Protein backbone atom coordinates (compact mmCIF):
# COMPACT_ATOMS: atom_id res chain seq x y z
CA UNK A 1 24.63 17.71 -73.12
CA UNK A 2 21.61 17.96 -71.34
CA UNK A 3 20.42 14.52 -71.57
CA UNK A 4 23.17 12.82 -69.58
CA UNK A 5 22.44 14.53 -66.27
CA UNK A 6 18.83 14.45 -66.27
CA UNK A 7 19.21 10.69 -66.61
CA UNK A 8 21.87 10.56 -63.63
CA UNK A 9 19.43 12.07 -61.66
CA UNK A 10 16.15 10.20 -62.19
CA UNK A 11 18.55 7.08 -61.94
CA UNK A 12 19.59 8.50 -58.55
CA UNK A 13 16.26 9.59 -57.37
CA UNK A 14 15.33 5.75 -58.27
CA UNK A 15 17.90 4.74 -56.30
CA UNK A 16 16.94 6.49 -53.30
CA UNK A 17 13.43 5.37 -53.42
CA UNK A 18 14.43 1.89 -53.44
CA UNK A 19 16.89 2.11 -50.61
CA UNK A 20 14.30 3.86 -48.50
CA UNK A 21 11.44 1.44 -49.74
CA UNK A 22 14.01 -1.08 -49.03
CA UNK A 23 14.76 0.67 -45.17
CA UNK A 24 11.02 0.86 -44.55
CA UNK A 25 10.35 -2.60 -45.13
CA UNK A 26 13.15 -3.92 -42.58
CA UNK A 27 11.73 -1.21 -40.22
CA UNK A 28 8.72 -3.20 -40.21
CA UNK A 29 10.14 -6.30 -40.22
CA UNK A 30 12.17 -5.32 -37.14
CA UNK A 31 8.90 -3.72 -35.58
CA UNK A 32 6.99 -6.48 -36.48
CA UNK A 33 7.35 -8.73 -33.38
CA UNK A 34 6.88 -5.99 -30.82
CA UNK A 35 3.67 -4.83 -32.38
CA UNK A 36 2.34 -8.62 -32.90
CA UNK A 37 3.21 -8.76 -28.54
CA UNK A 38 1.23 -5.24 -28.10
CA UNK A 39 -1.55 -6.48 -30.24
CA UNK A 40 -1.78 -9.94 -28.83
CA UNK A 41 -1.06 -8.73 -24.75
CA UNK A 42 -2.27 -4.97 -24.39
CA UNK A 43 -4.60 -4.07 -27.42
CA UNK A 44 -7.02 -7.30 -27.95
CA UNK A 45 -7.25 -7.45 -24.13
CA UNK A 46 -8.32 -3.96 -23.81
CA UNK A 47 -10.83 -4.27 -26.83
CA UNK A 48 -12.14 -7.87 -25.04
CA UNK A 49 -12.81 -6.02 -22.17
CA UNK A 50 -14.52 -2.90 -23.51
CA UNK A 51 -16.75 -5.34 -24.93
CA UNK A 52 -17.37 -6.92 -21.70
CA UNK A 53 -18.18 -3.69 -20.49
CA UNK A 54 -21.52 -4.27 -21.93
CA UNK A 55 -22.59 -7.04 -20.67
CA UNK A 56 -23.39 -8.91 -17.54
CA UNK A 57 -20.27 -12.25 -18.29
CA UNK A 58 -19.37 -13.87 -14.88
CA UNK A 59 -16.17 -15.46 -14.85
CA UNK A 60 -17.81 -18.99 -14.16
CA UNK A 61 -21.51 -19.25 -14.65
CA UNK A 62 -23.91 -21.05 -16.21
CA UNK A 63 -26.07 -18.38 -17.00
CA UNK A 64 -25.81 -16.96 -20.64
CA UNK A 65 -24.01 -13.69 -21.13
CA UNK A 66 -26.74 -10.72 -21.68
CA UNK A 67 -26.14 -7.62 -23.21
CA UNK A 68 -27.05 -4.99 -20.52
CA UNK A 69 -26.15 -1.55 -22.34
CA UNK A 70 -24.66 1.11 -20.12
CA UNK A 71 -26.15 -0.09 -16.63
CA UNK A 72 -21.88 -1.22 -15.48
CA UNK A 73 -21.21 2.32 -16.41
CA UNK A 74 -23.99 3.95 -14.87
CA UNK A 75 -23.32 1.78 -11.64
CA UNK A 76 -19.55 2.99 -11.61
CA UNK A 77 -20.09 6.55 -12.16
CA UNK A 78 -23.40 7.47 -10.76
CA UNK A 79 -23.46 10.39 -7.72
CA UNK A 80 -26.12 11.76 -6.28
CA UNK A 81 -27.16 14.33 -3.16
CA UNK A 82 -29.70 13.88 -1.20
CA UNK A 83 -30.82 16.48 1.69
CA UNK A 84 -32.58 15.07 4.85
CA UNK A 85 -34.47 17.89 6.68
CA UNK A 86 -35.28 17.11 10.39
CA UNK A 87 -38.23 15.06 11.10
CA UNK A 88 -41.15 17.59 12.58
CA UNK A 89 -44.35 16.26 14.47
CA UNK A 90 -47.76 17.60 13.65
CA UNK A 91 -47.31 20.80 15.17
CA UNK A 92 -44.14 21.53 13.53
CA UNK A 93 -41.90 21.09 16.16
CA UNK A 94 -39.03 18.51 15.62
CA UNK A 95 -38.41 15.32 16.52
CA UNK A 96 -35.82 14.41 18.98
CA UNK A 97 -33.99 11.15 20.00
CA UNK A 98 -33.18 10.14 23.52
CA UNK A 99 -30.11 12.12 22.81
CA UNK A 100 -31.65 15.37 22.46
CA UNK A 101 -30.93 15.47 18.62
CA UNK A 102 -32.51 15.79 15.41
CA UNK A 103 -34.12 12.85 13.97
CA UNK A 104 -34.14 12.35 10.09
CA UNK A 105 -35.79 10.15 7.56
CA UNK A 106 -34.05 6.87 6.98
CA UNK A 107 -32.14 7.18 3.66
CA UNK A 108 -33.54 3.69 3.04
CA UNK A 109 -36.63 5.31 2.53
CA UNK A 110 -35.46 6.84 -0.94
CA UNK A 111 -33.10 4.36 -2.01
CA UNK A 112 -35.40 1.20 -1.60
CA UNK A 113 -38.64 0.99 -3.54
CA UNK A 114 -39.86 4.31 -3.93
CA UNK A 115 -41.34 5.61 -7.19
CA UNK A 116 -41.41 9.02 -5.90
CA UNK A 117 -37.38 9.23 -5.98
CA UNK A 118 -36.86 6.81 -8.91
CA UNK A 119 -32.88 8.75 -9.07
CA UNK A 120 -32.15 7.28 -6.11
CA UNK A 121 -32.90 3.53 -6.41
CA UNK A 122 -30.83 1.41 -5.63
CA UNK A 123 -27.82 3.96 -4.50
CA UNK A 124 -25.24 3.30 -1.51
CA UNK A 125 -24.26 5.98 0.99
CA UNK A 126 -20.73 7.41 0.92
CA UNK A 127 -20.56 10.41 2.94
CA UNK A 128 -22.71 12.25 5.36
CA UNK A 129 -22.25 15.85 5.75
CA UNK A 130 -23.84 17.84 8.62
CA UNK A 131 -25.22 21.25 7.20
CA UNK A 132 -26.62 23.36 9.64
CA UNK A 133 -29.89 21.48 10.99
CA UNK A 134 -30.08 19.68 7.52
CA UNK A 135 -27.95 16.27 6.44
CA UNK A 136 -26.24 16.17 3.06
CA UNK A 137 -26.15 12.48 2.29
CA UNK A 138 -23.88 11.55 -0.89
CA UNK A 139 -25.08 8.61 -2.72
CA UNK A 140 -23.11 6.59 -4.98
CA UNK A 141 -23.69 3.39 -7.67
CA UNK A 142 -20.86 1.97 -5.71
CA UNK A 143 -19.43 3.46 -2.80
CA UNK A 144 -16.46 1.21 -2.54
CA UNK A 145 -15.27 2.34 -5.92
CA UNK A 146 -15.85 5.64 -5.33
CA UNK A 147 -13.63 5.55 -1.94
CA UNK A 148 -11.17 3.69 -4.28
CA UNK A 149 -11.07 6.86 -6.61
CA UNK A 150 -10.62 9.04 -4.05
CA UNK A 151 -7.96 7.33 -2.48
CA UNK A 152 -6.14 6.64 -5.58
CA UNK A 153 -5.96 10.39 -6.47
CA UNK A 154 -5.26 11.47 -3.01
CA UNK A 155 -2.22 9.03 -3.48
CA UNK A 156 -1.13 10.42 -7.23
CA UNK A 157 -1.38 14.01 -5.49
CA UNK A 158 1.20 12.92 -3.00
CA UNK A 159 3.31 10.80 -4.59
CA UNK A 160 4.16 12.60 -7.96
CA UNK A 161 5.48 16.00 -6.22
CA UNK A 162 7.25 14.17 -3.52
CA UNK A 163 8.59 11.38 -5.67
CA UNK A 164 9.96 13.63 -8.58
CA UNK A 165 11.34 16.15 -6.12
CA UNK A 166 13.11 14.07 -4.02
CA UNK A 167 14.63 12.20 -6.89
CA UNK A 168 15.63 15.43 -8.36
CA UNK A 169 17.42 16.21 -4.86
CA UNK A 170 19.25 13.13 -4.92
CA UNK A 171 20.43 13.45 -8.48
CA UNK A 172 21.76 16.78 -8.09
CA UNK A 173 23.81 15.36 -5.33
CA UNK A 174 25.06 12.88 -6.95
CA UNK A 175 25.82 14.71 -9.77
CA UNK A 176 29.14 15.82 -9.14
CA UNK A 177 33.00 14.50 -9.33
CA UNK A 178 33.37 13.44 -5.64
CA UNK A 179 34.81 9.65 -4.15
CA UNK A 180 32.24 6.99 -3.73
CA UNK A 181 29.78 8.53 -5.67
CA UNK A 182 29.16 5.58 -7.75
CA UNK A 183 28.33 3.77 -4.48
CA UNK A 184 25.53 6.06 -3.38
CA UNK A 185 23.99 5.85 -7.00
CA UNK A 186 24.11 2.04 -6.71
CA UNK A 187 22.64 2.45 -3.08
CA UNK A 188 19.76 4.49 -4.36
CA UNK A 189 19.19 2.50 -6.99
CA UNK A 190 18.90 -1.12 -5.09
CA UNK A 191 15.22 -0.82 -4.26
CA UNK A 192 14.41 -0.24 -7.45
CA UNK A 193 15.70 -3.37 -8.89
CA UNK A 194 13.86 -5.81 -6.12
CA UNK A 195 10.53 -7.09 -6.57
CA UNK A 196 7.82 -5.35 -4.97
CA UNK A 197 6.23 -8.16 -3.30
CA UNK A 198 9.28 -8.49 -1.73
CA UNK A 199 9.59 -4.75 -0.36
CA UNK A 200 5.88 -4.70 0.49
CA UNK A 201 6.47 -8.12 2.68
CA UNK A 202 9.81 -6.48 4.71
CA UNK A 203 7.71 -3.27 5.09
CA UNK A 204 5.07 -4.68 6.58
CA UNK A 205 7.02 -6.30 8.88
CA UNK A 206 8.78 -2.84 9.93
CA UNK A 207 5.48 -1.46 10.30
CA UNK A 208 4.24 -4.00 12.73
CA UNK A 209 3.59 -3.19 16.31
CA UNK A 210 6.64 -4.79 17.54
CA UNK A 211 8.38 -3.75 14.37
CA UNK A 212 11.31 -1.71 13.64
CA UNK A 213 9.69 1.58 12.94
CA UNK A 214 7.71 1.55 16.66
CA UNK A 215 11.20 0.51 18.34
CA UNK A 216 13.27 3.34 16.48
CA UNK A 217 10.51 6.10 17.07
CA UNK A 218 9.85 4.87 20.74
CA UNK A 219 13.85 5.11 21.31
CA UNK A 220 13.78 8.40 19.67
CA UNK A 221 11.41 10.10 22.13
CA UNK A 222 12.50 8.00 25.16
CA UNK A 223 9.01 5.94 25.22
CA UNK A 224 7.04 8.49 24.44
CA UNK A 225 5.77 7.70 21.03
CA UNK A 226 3.09 5.05 21.39
CA UNK A 227 3.33 1.96 19.73
CA UNK A 228 1.24 2.14 16.64
CA UNK A 229 -0.57 -0.65 13.97
CA UNK A 230 0.61 1.22 11.02
CA UNK A 231 -1.35 -0.56 8.72
CA UNK A 232 -4.41 -1.21 10.73
CA UNK A 233 -4.87 2.34 11.63
CA UNK A 234 -7.57 3.83 9.14
CA UNK A 235 -5.43 6.99 9.74
CA UNK A 236 -1.85 5.97 9.18
CA UNK A 237 -2.68 3.13 6.39
CA UNK A 238 -2.42 4.95 3.22
CA UNK A 239 -0.05 7.30 4.58
CA UNK A 240 2.61 4.21 5.47
CA UNK A 241 1.96 2.79 1.93
CA UNK A 242 2.76 6.21 0.24
CA UNK A 243 5.88 6.32 2.43
CA UNK A 244 7.03 3.01 1.25
CA UNK A 245 6.53 3.56 -2.25
CA UNK A 246 8.07 6.55 -2.63
CA UNK A 247 11.20 4.98 -0.96
CA UNK A 248 10.87 2.13 -3.71
CA UNK A 249 10.54 4.32 -6.47
CA UNK A 250 12.63 7.00 -5.95
CA UNK A 251 15.97 5.44 -7.59
CA UNK A 252 14.25 4.88 -10.59
CA UNK A 253 13.41 8.71 -11.36
CA UNK A 254 16.81 9.91 -9.69
CA UNK A 255 18.75 7.95 -12.46
CA UNK A 256 16.27 9.66 -15.38
CA UNK A 257 16.95 13.24 -13.45
CA UNK A 258 20.41 12.33 -13.88
CA UNK A 259 20.75 11.46 -17.68
CA UNK A 260 18.86 14.80 -18.14
CA UNK A 261 21.58 16.40 -16.15
CA UNK A 262 24.42 15.01 -17.99
CA UNK A 263 23.02 16.43 -21.31
CA UNK A 264 23.01 20.12 -20.14
CA UNK A 265 26.28 21.71 -21.38
CA UNK A 266 28.79 22.81 -18.86
CA UNK A 267 29.51 25.98 -20.41
CA UNK A 268 26.48 27.43 -19.67
CA UNK A 269 27.08 26.68 -16.12
CA UNK A 270 30.60 28.75 -16.83
CA UNK A 271 28.63 31.43 -18.35
CA UNK A 272 26.28 31.48 -15.41
CA UNK A 273 28.95 32.10 -13.23
CA UNK A 274 30.74 34.45 -15.08
CA UNK A 275 27.64 36.66 -14.64
CA UNK A 276 27.77 36.19 -11.19
CA UNK A 277 25.01 34.21 -10.84
CA UNK A 278 24.50 31.96 -7.47
CA UNK A 279 23.42 28.51 -7.18
CA UNK A 280 19.84 28.69 -6.96
CA UNK A 281 20.09 31.18 -9.92
CA UNK A 282 21.75 28.85 -11.56
CA UNK A 283 19.20 26.07 -10.98
CA UNK A 284 16.32 27.94 -12.30
CA UNK A 285 17.74 29.79 -15.27
CA UNK A 286 20.16 26.66 -16.70
CA UNK A 287 19.13 23.58 -14.71
CA UNK A 288 15.20 23.50 -14.69
CA UNK A 289 14.83 24.88 -17.98
CA UNK A 290 17.40 22.20 -19.44
CA UNK A 291 15.31 19.58 -17.76
CA UNK A 292 12.25 20.45 -19.36
CA UNK A 293 11.67 17.59 -21.30
CA UNK A 294 13.42 14.89 -18.87
CA UNK A 295 10.50 16.48 -16.15
CA UNK A 296 7.33 16.02 -18.69
CA UNK A 297 8.60 12.04 -18.74
CA UNK A 298 9.02 11.71 -15.45
CA UNK A 299 5.64 13.44 -14.58
CA UNK A 300 3.83 11.51 -16.64
CA UNK A 301 5.87 8.09 -15.68
CA UNK A 302 5.06 8.72 -12.08
CA UNK A 303 0.95 9.24 -12.62
CA UNK A 304 0.73 6.44 -14.41
CA UNK A 305 2.17 4.43 -11.84
CA UNK A 306 0.34 6.28 -9.04
CA UNK A 307 -2.95 5.37 -10.48
CA UNK A 308 -1.86 1.71 -11.40
CA UNK A 309 -1.33 1.49 -7.30
CA UNK A 310 -2.08 -2.40 -6.93
CA UNK A 311 0.73 -4.96 -5.27
CA UNK A 312 1.32 -2.84 -1.96
CA UNK A 313 -2.31 -2.85 -1.22
CA UNK A 314 -2.88 -6.40 -2.52
CA UNK A 315 0.49 -7.49 -0.06
CA UNK A 316 0.11 -5.49 2.76
CA UNK A 317 -3.52 -4.46 3.49
CA UNK A 318 -6.23 -5.96 1.09
CA UNK A 319 -7.95 -2.70 0.86
CA UNK A 320 -8.76 -2.14 4.41
CA UNK A 321 -8.99 -1.24 7.10
CA UNK A 322 -12.44 0.04 6.73
CA UNK A 323 -11.60 0.71 2.68
CA UNK A 324 -9.14 3.44 3.69
CA UNK A 325 -6.65 1.75 1.08
CA UNK A 326 -9.02 0.65 -1.59
CA UNK A 327 -7.39 1.54 -5.14
CA UNK A 328 -9.05 1.68 -8.64
CA UNK A 329 -7.07 -0.91 -9.92
CA UNK A 330 -7.37 -3.23 -6.99
CA UNK A 331 -11.17 -2.83 -7.07
CA UNK A 332 -11.01 -4.12 -10.72
CA UNK A 333 -9.08 -7.45 -9.98
CA UNK A 334 -11.34 -8.10 -6.60
CA UNK A 335 -14.56 -7.60 -8.31
CA UNK A 336 -13.29 -9.68 -11.84
CA UNK A 337 -11.56 -12.28 -10.00
CA UNK A 338 -12.29 -12.60 -6.66
CA UNK A 339 -15.92 -12.10 -6.98
CA UNK A 340 -15.87 -13.27 -10.79
CA UNK A 341 -17.81 -10.38 -12.03
CA UNK A 342 -15.62 -10.02 -15.01
CA UNK A 343 -17.94 -7.53 -16.88
CA UNK A 344 -17.79 -4.84 -14.07
CA UNK A 345 -14.30 -5.42 -13.38
CA UNK A 346 -14.07 -4.77 -17.23
CA UNK A 347 -16.17 -1.71 -16.62
CA UNK A 348 -13.59 -0.42 -13.56
CA UNK A 349 -10.53 -1.20 -16.01
CA UNK A 350 -12.28 0.87 -18.85
CA UNK A 351 -13.17 3.96 -16.61
CA UNK A 352 -9.57 3.52 -15.39
CA UNK A 353 -7.82 3.61 -18.84
CA UNK A 354 -9.82 7.03 -20.12
CA UNK A 355 -9.37 8.54 -16.37
CA UNK A 356 -5.46 7.90 -16.90
CA UNK A 357 -5.28 8.95 -20.56
CA UNK A 358 -6.94 12.25 -19.69
CA UNK A 359 -4.59 13.40 -16.70
CA UNK A 360 -1.53 12.47 -19.03
CA UNK A 361 -3.16 14.49 -21.75
CA UNK A 362 -4.07 17.51 -19.24
CA UNK A 363 -0.30 17.08 -17.93
CA UNK A 364 1.12 17.14 -21.73
CA UNK A 365 -0.65 20.23 -22.49
CA UNK A 366 0.05 22.17 -19.25
CA UNK A 367 3.75 21.25 -20.32
CA UNK A 368 3.43 22.13 -23.88
CA UNK A 369 5.99 24.21 -25.38
CA UNK A 370 4.64 27.68 -25.80
């Protein structure tokens, strides 16, 4: 009487183990092709780039590949500050130039073959700041990369909140049961399905000096607005690309916000209305808490996309004018393929990966469950 139930239980447990084992094998079998492709096209190239970053490998070169250690990383990451004081004569009086300004030692004196200052050897001038009578010179191992890094960070800081906020606003507008709402949803999403190359070419024509943007602004201001070369002006090139990028990508985030909005139970809004909550309080206490996980996903995705800015730059400005639209990914491609310095391009790619990983982890930590 007591043996039969135990036998049945053991048999059932064995069947369950067999079933789970079979499901596990099927899961690995189904995931196998995707994992193979990820390993082939993502993990393996990254590992190869990591190895190449410690060498002087050229894309096409008869010279053998040598191990250079951390030289490429030192070149990418080195930043030094140099303070220059005004030059004085034998009597201690400052030496002035023909315009009556102070004169200073040439930066090249410190960065070229000066054994007294080995920390400045081979560095490039990035920025020069006036601090009182002195000059503060910011030196970098690669001034162009430092410019690209700052441009990328500025682009991300502007794009992430604006694109996410605008997409949320559009999602709230079309999350209503009104006639023709599907037409608006399609219209907002159309730019997403258009190739970025095509979008960049079209917006280059719009931003031309005789393009539609200048014509519209001139008409709206009765001819008072001057015609600008939006992509050829250092002050407007990066903001112009920001506007185009927001327009092209906002539809995708809008759809994600909309999916999150439709998961919030409507009874919560009914309860809030019964308690006398207005639209703002409903959004603050019902909508936004219900969109928490959606917001985390959107902010991380937009951040990664913003840091990976490349196509717009490659098509519209080629990093100019005066390096004002240089980005990290554009620099990696230029150094690795245009200049055939594949080792240095790989180094920039590894630094970019670590940078994006750190930013994503910080975002995830800030938005964690408390």
